[in-house]
Each structure stands twice: as C-alpha cells, then as structure tokens.
Amino acid sequence: MEASPAPAWSGSFFNSGVVLSLLAVLWTVLWNNLQGLQLHHLFGRHLNRHARRLAALVDPYLSVTVAEYDGGRMRRSEAYREVQAYLQRATVAAAGGVRHLKAEPAKGADALVLSMGDNEEVADVFRGATVWWFAYSRPPREDGAAGFYWGGRAARADRRFYRLCFLERDRDVVLADYLPHVRREGRAVMVKNRQRKLFTNLAGDSWDDDGRWCDSVWSHVVFEHPKTFETLAMDPAKKKEIMDDLDAFRNGKDYYARVGKAWKRGYLLHGPPGTGKSTMIAAMANYLDYDIYDIELTSVRTNTDLRKLFIETTNKSIIVIEDIDCSLDLTGKRKKKKKKDADEDADKNKDGDKKPGPPEDQDEKKGKENSKVTLSGVLNFIDGLWSACGGERIIVFTTNHVEKLDPALIRRGRMDKHIEMSYCGFEAFKFLAKIYLGVDAHHLFDDVESLLCEVDMTPADVEENLTPKGPGDNADTCLAELVKELEKTKAEKAQAKVGGKGKATAEDADDDDDDTDEDE
C-alpha cells in the first residue's frame, strides 16, 4: 500500500513560519539599535532647525542677554555693571522714552546716577544700526538650586538682566564692534562717576530694614577721610619709602604677570596704640584712590563666608583686618592655650579660689565663640587659590602686639612689607609743628628734642598738645604745653622706675629672710 504524498501547502507554511521568525528577530535587533541612536531626538533637532528658519522669516530679531551675576552666581558681572553705566546717558535723554528711573548718589553733593527701572526699554544707534536695550528681573528659583553652595544668598535675590535686541542683518556689527564699544564706554563712565567707598561686612543673614533680601554681603558709606601722606606724621624718609612701594605695586601689573604672582600685596602695620595705624590706611587709600573693605572677623561665621567676602571685593581696593591679634585666636598656639586653661581650672578646683582676670567684652566674647574661622582659613584668604580672583588688591593687617601672631600669618609672601608705627620722633614732631602751628623753628624745639629722646609719646598725644584749644593759644602756648606734658611723663617714668627698684629690693630682702629661717 503506497503512502500518500504530503500536501504542498504544509511545506510552504513551514517555510513562511521560519521566515517570519527570522524577520521578527531581525526587527527586534534593529529596533534596539535604533533606540540607541535616539532617532526621535535626531528628528526633533531637524524639526527645530527648520522651525527656527521659518521663525526667522517672521521675526528677524536676535538678542543677547547680560546677566547680573556670572555663572554660579558667585560674583557680580563686570559686563552688567558696564552696560548699566553705558545706558545712563540714553536713559536720561528725553528721546529715550524711559518713564521709571532708579537713582543712586554720585560724585558731588547734588549729583545722582540714574538707571532704568524694570521693564523699561531704550534705543541706541551705532554705525547706522538701531538696537534696543530692555531691563527686566526674575524672582529667585523656588528649588534654590542656583548658588546652593554659596548659601543661597544671591539665589534668594531677584535676578536682574539686560537684553539687547537687534536685526539679524546687523549681527556682525553688533557682536564684533558694538558690544566691545559698550564695555569700553561703560568703564569710562564708571571711572568718571566713581565714588570711593568704605565697606564693612554684614553680620549673619543679609536682610535690610524693609525685610528684603540684600544681594550683597557688604554694606558701605562714602569714604571721605581727609588724611593724606602730606599730613601724616612720620619720618620723611620712611614715608617716601612707603609711597615708592605703593607706586611700584600700582604700576606692577606686567611684573606680577611675568613672575606668575597674583596682583596683590600684604602690609603689616604694628606698633603701640595711638601711633597712626588707621590713619596710615586712610592715607594709603587716598594716595592710591582705592576703596577700603574693613572686615570684622568676629562677624564671619566660617572660612567659606570669609571666601565669599573676598570674592565680592573689587579691584583697586584695600582689604583691612584691624587688631587681628584680638579678632580671633589666630596665634597658632591653641594647644598651649588649652593646656594653660586646663591647668588654671585645676588650680581653681584645688584651691577653691582663682585670681580674677581682666573682664572681656561680652559681645566680643560671643562673636569669638560663634565664629569658626580658623588660621588655615585666613591663610588661604591671603594667598590661597582664591586670592588670585581679581587683581590690584592690598591686604593690610594691624596689631599692637606683633609677637602674638603666628609666624605663618605674617611671613613674607603673605605680609610682604612690615611697617613699624613707632612713637613720635623729633623729625615727626617738626612736621606736626609745621602742620598744626605753622612754625619751622622755635626756641622750645631743643627742649622737645631732648625730652623725646627720653620719653615715649605717641603722635596722637603730640597732636593733641599742639592743637590750639582757645582764642589765646598760639605756637608759644602749645609748645610750652607739650614740654610740660613731656616733663610730666618723664617724672612719672622715673618715679615708676624707682618704685620698681624698691619693690624688687624688698622682695629680695624677703627672700633672704626666708633663706635665713630655713638655714636655722
């Protein structure tokens, strides 16, 4: 019996199933690869490109946005300040059409610097091209993502911008020539309107009196100190040495770049109270035409906050920390101090009594306890990596006790020049007599010279005695008063010396009596 042959359709069905299976496998592999290529992004980019070209036919304007803060919102943008200064003239002009203005004090008793308010627009013409500037601001982001590392200070303030709009046909002129022109002219206006300022750091959060968040860690007043080197009581040779050093620094931009150093210089002013350290800083600022940033270290919470303060200082400035030995424990001798405190506590517990020390101001004590600024943080502030942010800065420390400071803090390279502000000498006295009394010579000068060789008197005390205090005071009466005060100080010094010898003799006698009793 013969077997019947298999139907032809069964083989065809089997072959079709294999082909379909292979096609499914190939499609799966191909689909996975296509997903890796992200074709939807590719198609999206092509569509966006064509959409932009189509939009250019309808809207032929381009724009450039200048933000108030650079990337990371760490410091205010120089370009923003230059644009703001450049637009002052167009803002004031009636043709500009600006209806809402903001005013700030300028040079001169009655002068004001005006700028555009938010949502105002002003036009400008450059080489036949018309451009439009628009000022606006945005509220801070709710998530606080911007500037989170810097404590959200700038992120919590409104974000301000200038937007420049121009026709596409003027693209080359605006980008290549107009924007550099704006920056150059803006810098010139800033120099013309510049008022030198005295800054101080704000303690804690930067809220103003109206409950609004301030966008700066500094507060300032106009710097109007009258002291100059021409009226500074100091030996003329030493004064000239300091002025020459300042001139070399001011003109040393190329030198510092050539040797690979940040354009900054440190000055340590040390000496007894009343010897003119603060007035020296004022004279330096007036001589160089620099701003002053006076840092109160006890108001700075952390090393990061100290770094923020430095970043927001401007070029051409003097950064001052006065009485740095009293601001914080920066002597580098913490271990010894802790051991000494522990020994004193042990003695107190043992004897039940402790000799009271000098009272410390409670606010100062509280500030020291709240501040976590360390010696390492101050050292990095002076010459660490962040010290190269900006240029043409002078850092000045003052102290009454230079021996208390850690050597690492005042070594050359950090405090490059040490200036001792000493007691008044005869040359400084003659200078003061000329300034205060208008005399170059007097019969009492010899007495003053001999007394100044024996007595230490600060320039502040000499100035006080040379200041006429009544209608009958003149050179004779003021110099006689100075001689009288010097003789009085000399007598007190001699009396203290005799008293000290007598006390030492009595103590030696007591020691001899004790030794005799022990021998017996």
Protein backbone atom coordinates (compact mmCIF):
# COMPACT_ATOMS: atom_id res chain seq x y z
CA MET A 1 0.00 0.00 0.00
CA GLU A 2 1.54 3.25 -1.09
CA ALA A 3 1.72 6.29 1.23
CA SER A 4 0.01 9.36 0.00
CA PRO A 5 2.37 12.37 -0.54
CA ALA A 6 2.32 15.34 1.95
CA PRO A 7 0.31 18.26 0.79
CA ALA A 8 2.36 21.04 -0.80
CA TRP A 9 0.78 23.73 1.32
CA SER A 10 2.33 22.27 4.53
CA GLY A 11 5.91 22.85 3.35
CA SER A 12 5.13 26.34 2.26
CA PHE A 13 3.55 27.06 5.64
CA PHE A 14 6.63 25.76 7.43
CA ASN A 15 8.97 27.91 5.30
CA SER A 16 6.82 31.01 5.87
CA GLY A 17 6.93 30.49 9.65
CA VAL A 18 10.72 30.34 9.62
CA VAL A 19 10.96 33.50 7.57
CA LEU A 20 8.58 35.35 9.84
CA SER A 21 10.56 34.25 12.91
CA LEU A 22 13.78 35.47 11.35
CA LEU A 23 12.17 38.75 10.40
CA ALA A 24 10.91 39.24 13.98
CA VAL A 25 14.38 38.59 15.38
CA LEU A 26 15.96 40.99 12.91
CA TRP A 27 13.36 43.66 13.65
CA THR A 28 13.98 43.32 17.41
CA VAL A 29 17.72 43.72 16.94
CA LEU A 30 17.23 46.64 14.55
CA TRP A 31 14.70 48.34 16.85
CA ASN A 32 17.05 48.09 19.83
CA ASN A 33 19.82 49.69 17.77
CA LEU A 34 17.51 52.41 16.54
CA GLN A 35 16.52 53.20 20.11
CA GLY A 36 20.21 53.52 20.96
CA LEU A 37 20.57 56.03 18.15
CA GLN A 38 17.69 58.09 19.66
CA LEU A 39 16.16 58.86 16.30
CA HIS A 40 13.37 60.87 17.87
CA HIS A 41 15.99 63.36 19.11
CA LEU A 42 17.52 63.43 15.66
CA PHE A 43 14.18 64.11 14.02
CA GLY A 44 13.40 66.66 16.74
CA ARG A 45 16.61 68.59 16.03
CA HIS A 46 15.85 68.70 12.33
CA LEU A 47 12.34 69.91 13.00
CA ASN A 48 13.58 72.59 15.41
CA ARG A 49 16.15 73.76 12.89
CA HIS A 50 13.52 74.17 10.19
CA ALA A 51 11.19 75.82 12.71
CA ARG A 52 13.87 78.39 13.60
CA ARG A 53 14.44 79.15 9.93
CA LEU A 54 10.74 79.61 9.45
CA ALA A 55 10.55 81.85 12.54
CA ALA A 56 13.43 83.96 11.20
CA LEU A 57 11.27 84.83 8.21
CA VAL A 58 8.59 86.15 10.54
CA ASP A 59 10.78 87.55 13.39
CA PRO A 60 14.14 88.91 12.09
CA TYR A 61 15.39 89.99 15.54
CA LEU A 62 18.27 88.47 17.51
CA SER A 63 19.01 89.02 21.20
CA VAL A 64 21.92 88.98 23.65
CA THR A 65 21.21 88.69 27.40
CA VAL A 66 23.61 90.13 30.01
CA ALA A 67 23.01 88.67 33.49
CA GLU A 68 23.88 90.49 36.70
CA TYR A 69 25.82 87.52 38.04
CA ASP A 70 28.34 85.29 36.29
CA GLY A 71 27.92 81.53 36.15
CA GLY A 72 27.39 80.05 39.58
CA ARG A 73 26.25 83.49 40.85
CA MET A 74 29.46 83.83 42.83
CA ARG A 75 30.19 87.44 41.96
CA ARG A 76 28.54 90.32 40.14
CA SER A 77 29.29 90.50 36.43
CA GLU A 78 31.56 93.31 35.29
CA ALA A 79 29.78 93.31 31.92
CA TYR A 80 26.44 94.01 33.64
CA ARG A 81 27.85 96.99 35.53
CA GLU A 82 29.45 98.35 32.35
CA VAL A 83 26.18 98.06 30.39
CA GLN A 84 24.34 99.78 33.25
CA ALA A 85 26.86 102.64 33.21
CA TYR A 86 26.78 102.93 29.41
CA LEU A 87 22.99 103.25 29.31
CA GLN A 88 22.90 106.14 31.77
CA ARG A 89 23.10 108.80 29.07
CA ALA A 90 20.40 107.20 26.90
CA THR A 91 18.25 106.65 29.97
CA VAL A 92 18.31 110.32 31.00
CA ALA A 93 17.67 111.64 27.47
CA ALA A 94 14.05 112.55 26.84
CA ALA A 95 14.16 110.80 23.47
CA GLY A 96 14.87 107.53 25.25
CA GLY A 97 11.29 107.36 26.49
CA VAL A 98 12.18 105.82 29.85
CA ARG A 99 9.44 106.60 32.38
CA HIS A 100 10.67 104.79 35.51
CA LEU A 101 14.20 105.53 36.73
CA LYS A 102 16.38 104.42 39.66
CA ALA A 103 18.66 106.97 41.33
CA GLU A 104 21.90 106.50 43.26
CA PRO A 105 24.29 109.10 44.77
CA ALA A 106 27.15 110.23 42.54
CA LYS A 107 30.17 112.48 42.83
CA GLY A 108 29.21 115.90 44.04
CA ALA A 109 26.80 116.95 46.74
CA ASP A 110 23.78 117.23 44.44
CA ALA A 111 24.59 114.72 41.69
CA LEU A 112 22.67 111.49 41.02
CA VAL A 113 23.38 108.48 38.82
CA LEU A 114 20.21 107.35 37.01
CA SER A 115 19.47 103.93 35.53
CA MET A 116 16.46 102.19 34.00
CA GLY A 117 13.81 100.58 36.15
CA ASP A 118 12.49 97.10 35.45
CA ASN A 119 10.52 96.50 32.24
CA GLU A 120 11.84 99.69 30.64
CA GLU A 121 13.30 99.88 27.12
CA VAL A 122 15.70 102.32 25.47
CA ALA A 123 17.01 102.53 21.90
CA ASP A 124 20.58 103.19 20.76
CA VAL A 125 22.15 103.78 17.33
CA PHE A 126 25.62 102.60 16.32
CA ARG A 127 27.03 102.97 12.78
CA GLY A 128 23.56 103.11 11.30
CA ALA A 129 22.33 100.05 13.20
CA THR A 130 19.49 100.56 15.68
CA VAL A 131 19.47 98.38 18.80
CA TRP A 132 17.13 98.15 21.79
CA TRP A 133 18.03 97.52 25.43
CA PHE A 134 15.43 96.04 27.75
CA ALA A 135 15.81 95.81 31.57
CA TYR A 136 13.96 93.12 33.47
CA SER A 137 14.23 90.87 36.51
CA ARG A 138 13.08 87.43 37.58
CA PRO A 139 12.16 86.12 41.03
CA PRO A 140 14.51 83.53 42.54
CA ARG A 141 14.01 79.86 41.80
CA GLU A 142 11.83 78.06 44.31
CA ASP A 143 14.07 74.99 44.46
CA GLY A 144 17.07 77.12 45.42
CA ALA A 145 19.28 75.15 43.04
CA ALA A 146 21.22 78.17 41.84
CA GLY A 147 24.04 79.09 44.12
CA PHE A 148 23.30 76.41 46.72
CA TYR A 149 26.97 76.13 47.59
CA TRP A 150 27.15 79.80 48.47
CA GLY A 151 24.34 79.60 50.97
CA GLY A 152 21.67 80.76 48.54
CA ARG A 153 22.49 84.44 49.20
CA ALA A 154 22.42 85.57 45.56
CA ALA A 155 19.84 82.93 44.67
CA ARG A 156 17.31 84.48 47.07
CA ALA A 157 17.59 87.92 45.47
CA ASP A 158 15.80 88.85 42.24
CA ARG A 159 17.83 88.00 39.15
CA ARG A 160 18.36 91.11 37.01
CA PHE A 161 19.17 91.21 33.30
CA TYR A 162 19.71 93.49 30.33
CA ARG A 163 18.54 92.12 26.97
CA LEU A 164 19.91 93.57 23.73
CA CYS A 165 17.73 93.14 20.61
CA PHE A 166 18.83 93.90 17.05
CA LEU A 167 18.10 92.95 13.45
CA GLU A 168 19.79 89.89 12.01
CA ARG A 169 21.31 91.96 9.21
CA ASP A 170 23.28 93.93 11.87
CA ARG A 171 24.63 90.78 13.55
CA ASP A 172 28.29 91.28 12.60
CA VAL A 173 28.35 94.97 13.54
CA VAL A 174 26.69 94.41 16.91
CA LEU A 175 28.68 91.37 18.01
CA ALA A 176 32.10 92.42 16.68
CA ASP A 177 32.06 96.19 17.27
CA TYR A 178 29.07 97.45 19.25
CA LEU A 179 29.36 95.24 22.35
CA PRO A 180 33.10 95.97 22.85
CA HIS A 181 32.24 99.67 22.37
CA VAL A 182 29.59 99.43 25.11
CA ARG A 183 32.06 97.89 27.56
CA ARG A 184 34.76 100.48 26.87
CA GLU A 185 32.40 103.42 27.18
CA GLY A 186 30.79 101.90 30.27
CA ARG A 187 34.15 101.60 32.02
CA ALA A 188 34.91 105.24 31.22
CA VAL A 189 31.58 106.34 32.73
CA MET A 190 32.23 104.23 35.83
CA VAL A 191 35.61 105.90 36.33
CA LYS A 192 34.07 109.34 35.88
CA ASN A 193 31.24 108.72 38.36
CA ARG A 194 33.22 106.60 40.79
CA GLN A 195 32.99 107.44 44.47
CA ARG A 196 35.46 105.78 46.78
CA LYS A 197 33.69 103.74 49.43
CA LEU A 198 34.32 102.32 52.86
CA PHE A 199 32.80 98.84 53.16
CA THR A 200 32.06 96.66 56.16
CA ASN A 201 30.81 93.07 56.17
CA LEU A 202 27.24 92.33 57.20
CA ALA A 203 26.75 90.02 60.16
CA GLY A 204 24.52 87.00 59.68
CA ASP A 205 21.79 86.97 57.01
CA SER A 206 21.69 89.97 54.67
CA TRP A 207 18.21 91.35 55.32
CA ASP A 208 17.65 95.08 55.02
CA ASP A 209 15.44 97.28 57.19
CA ASP A 210 12.45 96.69 54.92
CA GLY A 211 12.66 92.93 55.31
CA ARG A 212 14.00 92.38 51.81
CA TRP A 213 16.93 90.14 50.99
CA CYS A 214 20.11 92.06 50.12
CA ASP A 215 22.17 90.85 47.18
CA SER A 216 25.50 91.76 48.78
CA VAL A 217 27.48 90.69 51.82
CA TRP A 218 28.90 94.21 52.11
CA SER A 219 27.43 97.49 53.31
CA HIS A 220 29.15 100.78 52.52
CA VAL A 221 29.35 104.53 53.05
CA VAL A 222 31.18 107.12 51.00
CA PHE A 223 34.86 107.27 52.03
CA GLU A 224 35.71 110.87 52.91
CA HIS A 225 38.67 110.57 55.29
CA PRO A 226 40.90 113.67 54.88
CA LYS A 227 44.22 112.08 55.91
CA THR A 228 46.95 112.09 53.25
CA PHE A 229 50.66 111.44 53.24
CA GLU A 230 51.13 115.20 53.15
CA THR A 231 49.56 115.44 56.62
CA LEU A 232 50.78 112.11 58.05
CA ALA A 233 53.23 112.43 60.96
CA MET A 234 56.14 110.16 60.05
CA ASP A 235 59.82 110.35 59.32
CA PRO A 236 60.07 111.80 55.77
CA ALA A 237 62.49 109.11 54.57
CA LYS A 238 60.26 106.31 55.84
CA LYS A 239 57.21 107.99 54.33
CA LYS A 240 58.89 108.24 50.92
CA GLU A 241 59.87 104.56 51.11
CA ILE A 242 56.22 103.57 51.65
CA MET A 243 54.97 105.82 48.85
CA ASP A 244 57.56 104.39 46.43
CA ASP A 245 56.48 100.88 47.39
CA LEU A 246 52.84 101.74 46.71
CA ASP A 247 53.74 103.25 43.34
CA ALA A 248 55.65 100.11 42.37
CA PHE A 249 52.64 97.97 43.25
CA ARG A 250 50.13 100.17 41.40
CA ASN A 251 52.25 100.12 38.24
CA GLY A 252 53.29 96.46 38.56
CA LYS A 253 50.59 94.66 36.58
CA ASP A 254 53.01 93.42 33.92
CA TYR A 255 55.61 92.50 36.53
CA TYR A 256 53.21 90.35 38.56
CA ALA A 257 52.00 88.63 35.37
CA ARG A 258 55.58 87.97 34.27
CA VAL A 259 56.68 86.37 37.54
CA GLY A 260 53.42 84.41 37.90
CA LYS A 261 52.06 86.00 41.10
CA ALA A 262 48.61 87.29 41.96
CA TRP A 263 48.49 91.08 41.72
CA LYS A 264 48.21 91.73 45.45
CA ARG A 265 50.46 92.87 48.28
CA GLY A 266 50.30 92.48 52.04
CA TYR A 267 51.18 95.17 54.61
CA LEU A 268 51.56 94.57 58.34
CA LEU A 269 51.23 97.72 60.45
CA HIS A 270 52.37 97.13 64.00
CA GLY A 271 53.08 99.36 66.96
CA PRO A 272 51.60 100.73 70.20
CA PRO A 273 48.10 102.25 70.27
CA GLY A 274 47.92 105.83 69.01
CA THR A 275 50.85 105.57 66.59
CA GLY A 276 48.73 106.15 63.47
CA LYS A 277 47.99 102.69 62.02
CA SER A 278 44.42 103.52 61.00
CA THR A 279 45.36 106.93 59.62
CA MET A 280 48.13 105.24 57.61
CA ILE A 281 45.47 103.07 55.93
CA ALA A 282 43.41 106.17 55.12
CA ALA A 283 46.48 107.88 53.65
CA MET A 284 47.22 104.80 51.53
CA ALA A 285 43.66 104.72 50.19
CA ASN A 286 43.71 108.43 49.34
CA TYR A 287 47.11 108.13 47.69
CA LEU A 288 46.12 105.16 45.51
CA ASP A 289 42.46 106.20 45.04
CA TYR A 290 41.31 102.77 46.27
CA ASP A 291 38.21 101.60 48.12
CA ILE A 292 38.55 100.14 51.63
CA TYR A 293 36.97 96.86 52.79
CA ASP A 294 37.09 96.69 56.59
CA ILE A 295 36.49 93.09 57.70
CA GLU A 296 35.18 92.37 61.19
CA LEU A 297 36.37 88.79 61.66
CA THR A 298 34.19 88.06 64.67
CA SER A 299 31.13 88.55 62.41
CA VAL A 300 32.36 85.97 59.91
CA ARG A 301 30.94 82.55 60.73
CA THR A 302 33.03 80.15 58.64
CA ASN A 303 36.01 80.00 56.30
CA THR A 304 33.56 79.74 53.39
CA ASP A 305 31.93 83.03 54.40
CA LEU A 306 35.37 84.63 54.53
CA ARG A 307 35.99 83.41 50.98
CA LYS A 308 32.66 84.91 49.85
CA LEU A 309 33.71 88.28 51.27
CA PHE A 310 36.96 88.21 49.34
CA ILE A 311 35.30 87.21 46.07
CA GLU A 312 32.93 90.18 46.24
CA THR A 313 35.66 92.76 46.74
CA THR A 314 36.52 94.85 43.70
CA ASN A 315 39.82 95.61 42.05
CA LYS A 316 41.66 98.71 43.25
CA SER A 317 40.82 98.08 46.89
CA ILE A 318 42.46 97.77 50.30
CA ILE A 319 41.21 94.88 52.45
CA VAL A 320 41.75 95.64 56.13
CA ILE A 321 41.63 93.50 59.26
CA GLU A 322 42.42 95.73 62.25
CA ASP A 323 43.73 94.38 65.56
CA ILE A 324 43.95 90.90 64.11
CA ASP A 325 45.51 89.59 67.33
CA CYS A 326 42.27 90.49 69.16
CA SER A 327 39.79 89.42 66.47
CA LEU A 328 40.17 85.65 66.78
CA ASP A 329 42.54 83.10 68.22
CA LEU A 330 44.97 83.15 65.28
CA THR A 331 48.20 82.78 67.24
CA GLY A 332 48.71 79.15 66.26
CA LYS A 333 49.16 78.20 69.94
CA ARG A 334 45.79 76.65 70.66
CA LYS A 335 47.19 73.54 72.27
CA LYS A 336 49.23 75.56 74.72
CA LYS A 337 46.25 77.79 75.45
CA LYS A 338 44.01 74.82 76.12
CA LYS A 339 46.62 73.28 78.40
CA LYS A 340 47.01 76.55 80.28
CA ASP A 341 43.24 76.84 80.71
CA ALA A 342 43.10 73.28 81.97
CA ASP A 343 45.89 73.97 84.49
CA GLU A 344 44.09 77.10 85.71
CA ASP A 345 40.85 75.17 86.14
CA ALA A 346 42.69 72.51 88.09
CA ASP A 347 44.26 75.12 90.37
CA LYS A 348 40.86 76.69 90.90
CA ASN A 349 39.30 73.39 91.88
CA LYS A 350 42.22 72.64 94.16
CA ASP A 351 42.47 75.94 95.99
CA GLY A 352 38.82 76.99 95.70
CA ASP A 353 39.93 80.42 94.56
CA LYS A 354 41.19 81.96 91.37
CA LYS A 355 42.65 85.35 90.72
CA PRO A 356 40.19 87.25 88.54
CA GLY A 357 41.47 88.29 85.11
CA PRO A 358 40.54 91.35 83.11
CA PRO A 359 36.86 91.39 82.10
CA GLU A 360 36.16 90.59 78.45
CA ASP A 361 33.52 92.38 76.46
CA GLN A 362 30.51 90.08 76.23
CA ASP A 363 29.75 90.90 72.59
CA GLU A 364 33.35 90.26 71.61
CA LYS A 365 33.40 87.00 73.55
CA LYS A 366 30.14 85.89 71.94
CA GLY A 367 31.47 86.76 68.49
CA LYS A 368 34.58 84.69 69.03
CA GLU A 369 32.51 81.73 70.16
CA ASN A 370 30.15 81.94 67.15
CA SER A 371 32.91 82.36 64.57
CA LYS A 372 34.51 79.22 63.21
CA VAL A 373 37.13 81.00 61.13
CA THR A 374 40.46 79.22 61.52
CA LEU A 375 44.07 80.19 61.00
CA SER A 376 44.11 77.95 57.93
CA GLY A 377 41.10 79.81 56.51
CA VAL A 378 42.78 83.18 56.97
CA LEU A 379 45.99 81.91 55.36
CA ASN A 380 44.06 80.67 52.32
CA PHE A 381 42.24 84.00 52.23
CA ILE A 382 45.56 85.84 51.99
CA ASP A 383 47.45 83.81 49.41
CA GLY A 384 45.46 80.67 48.55
CA LEU A 385 43.97 79.84 45.16
CA TRP A 386 41.04 82.20 45.70
CA SER A 387 43.35 85.16 46.31
CA ALA A 388 44.00 85.31 42.56
CA CYS A 389 40.33 86.15 41.82
CA GLY A 390 40.68 89.73 40.63
CA GLY A 391 43.71 91.93 40.97
CA GLU A 392 45.23 95.16 42.28
CA ARG A 393 44.32 94.45 45.89
CA ILE A 394 46.23 95.35 49.04
CA ILE A 395 45.70 93.37 52.25
CA VAL A 396 46.50 95.21 55.50
CA PHE A 397 46.72 93.73 58.99
CA THR A 398 47.18 95.92 62.05
CA THR A 399 48.23 94.79 65.51
CA ASN A 400 49.51 96.22 68.77
CA HIS A 401 51.37 93.01 69.60
CA VAL A 402 53.14 91.53 66.59
CA GLU A 403 54.82 88.93 68.79
CA LYS A 404 51.44 87.30 69.46
CA LEU A 405 50.78 86.46 65.80
CA ASP A 406 51.62 83.11 64.27
CA PRO A 407 54.77 83.37 62.10
CA ALA A 408 52.92 81.69 59.22
CA LEU A 409 50.44 84.57 59.18
CA ILE A 410 52.96 87.37 58.80
CA ARG A 411 55.76 85.78 56.79
CA ARG A 412 56.93 87.41 53.56
CA GLY A 413 54.68 86.42 50.70
CA ARG A 414 51.63 87.00 52.89
CA MET A 415 52.55 90.19 54.69
CA ASP A 416 55.18 91.39 52.23
CA LYS A 417 56.06 94.65 53.95
CA HIS A 418 56.22 95.17 57.70
CA ILE A 419 55.84 98.79 58.81
CA GLU A 420 56.53 99.67 62.41
CA MET A 421 54.41 102.57 63.60
CA SER A 422 56.56 103.79 66.47
CA TYR A 423 56.45 106.65 68.96
CA CYS A 424 56.88 110.21 67.81
CA GLY A 425 60.45 111.21 66.93
CA PHE A 426 61.86 114.67 66.50
CA GLU A 427 61.51 114.69 62.70
CA ALA A 428 57.84 113.73 63.00
CA PHE A 429 57.41 116.41 65.68
CA LYS A 430 58.83 119.12 63.42
CA PHE A 431 56.42 118.02 60.70
CA LEU A 432 53.48 118.24 63.13
CA ALA A 433 54.61 121.65 64.38
CA LYS A 434 54.64 122.91 60.79
CA ILE A 435 51.17 121.47 60.09
CA TYR A 436 49.44 122.45 63.33
CA LEU A 437 51.25 125.68 64.28
CA GLY A 438 52.86 126.85 61.05
CA VAL A 439 56.35 127.14 62.59
CA ASP A 440 59.61 125.69 61.28
CA ALA A 441 61.75 126.71 64.25
CA HIS A 442 61.22 127.75 67.86
CA HIS A 443 63.34 128.18 70.97
CA LEU A 444 61.47 125.28 72.64
CA PHE A 445 62.41 122.84 69.87
CA ASP A 446 65.64 121.90 71.65
CA ASP A 447 63.75 121.05 74.82
CA VAL A 448 61.28 118.94 72.89
CA GLU A 449 64.07 117.11 71.07
CA SER A 450 65.90 116.18 74.27
CA LEU A 451 62.69 115.08 76.00
CA LEU A 452 61.55 112.93 73.05
CA CYS A 453 64.84 111.05 73.32
CA GLU A 454 63.95 110.10 76.91
CA VAL A 455 60.15 109.80 76.80
CA ASP A 456 57.86 107.74 74.57
CA MET A 457 54.89 109.75 73.32
CA THR A 458 52.59 108.74 70.50
CA PRO A 459 51.92 111.06 67.56
CA ALA A 460 48.28 111.22 68.68
CA ASP A 461 49.34 112.68 72.06
CA VAL A 462 51.71 115.14 70.40
CA GLU A 463 48.97 116.27 68.04
CA GLU A 464 46.60 116.81 70.95
CA ASN A 465 49.08 119.07 72.74
CA LEU A 466 49.84 121.03 69.56
CA THR A 467 46.16 121.68 68.81
CA PRO A 468 45.06 125.22 69.78
CA LYS A 469 42.07 124.96 72.10
CA GLY A 470 41.18 128.59 72.71
CA PRO A 471 41.40 132.05 71.19
CA GLY A 472 44.57 132.84 73.13
CA ASP A 473 46.51 129.70 72.11
CA ASN A 474 49.44 130.08 69.74
CA ALA A 475 52.76 128.41 68.97
CA ASP A 476 54.30 129.55 72.28
CA THR A 477 51.49 128.27 74.49
CA CYS A 478 51.02 124.97 72.59
CA LEU A 479 54.75 124.14 72.58
CA ALA A 480 55.02 125.07 76.26
CA GLU A 481 52.09 122.73 76.99
CA LEU A 482 53.84 119.95 75.08
CA VAL A 483 57.09 120.46 77.00
CA LYS A 484 55.15 120.44 80.27
CA GLU A 485 53.42 117.16 79.32
CA LEU A 486 56.73 115.58 78.29
CA GLU A 487 58.38 116.59 81.57
CA LYS A 488 55.42 115.19 83.49
CA THR A 489 55.68 111.87 81.63
CA LYS A 490 59.44 111.83 82.29
CA ALA A 491 58.89 112.34 86.01
CA GLU A 492 56.27 109.58 86.14
CA LYS A 493 58.63 107.25 84.33
CA ALA A 494 61.44 107.99 86.77
CA GLN A 495 59.13 107.51 89.76
CA ALA A 496 57.88 104.21 88.38
CA LYS A 497 61.45 103.09 87.85
CA VAL A 498 62.42 103.96 91.44
CA GLY A 499 59.29 102.26 92.76
CA GLY A 500 60.10 99.16 90.75
CA LYS A 501 63.63 99.03 92.17
CA GLY A 502 62.31 99.47 95.71
CA LYS A 503 59.83 96.68 95.25
CA ALA A 504 62.49 94.41 93.81
CA THR A 505 64.80 95.21 96.75
CA ALA A 506 62.05 94.43 99.26
CA GLU A 507 61.31 91.12 97.54
CA ASP A 508 65.00 90.22 97.58
CA ALA A 509 65.14 91.05 101.29
CA ASP A 510 62.13 88.82 101.96
CA ASP A 511 63.79 86.03 100.04
CA ASP A 512 66.96 86.44 102.11
CA ASP A 513 64.91 86.30 105.33
CA ASP A 514 63.22 83.12 104.16
CA ASP A 515 66.57 81.56 103.34
CA THR A 516 67.91 82.51 106.78
CA ASP A 517 64.89 80.97 108.52
CA GLU A 518 65.33 77.77 106.56
CA ASP A 519 69.03 77.57 107.49
CA GLU A 520 68.19 77.99 111.16
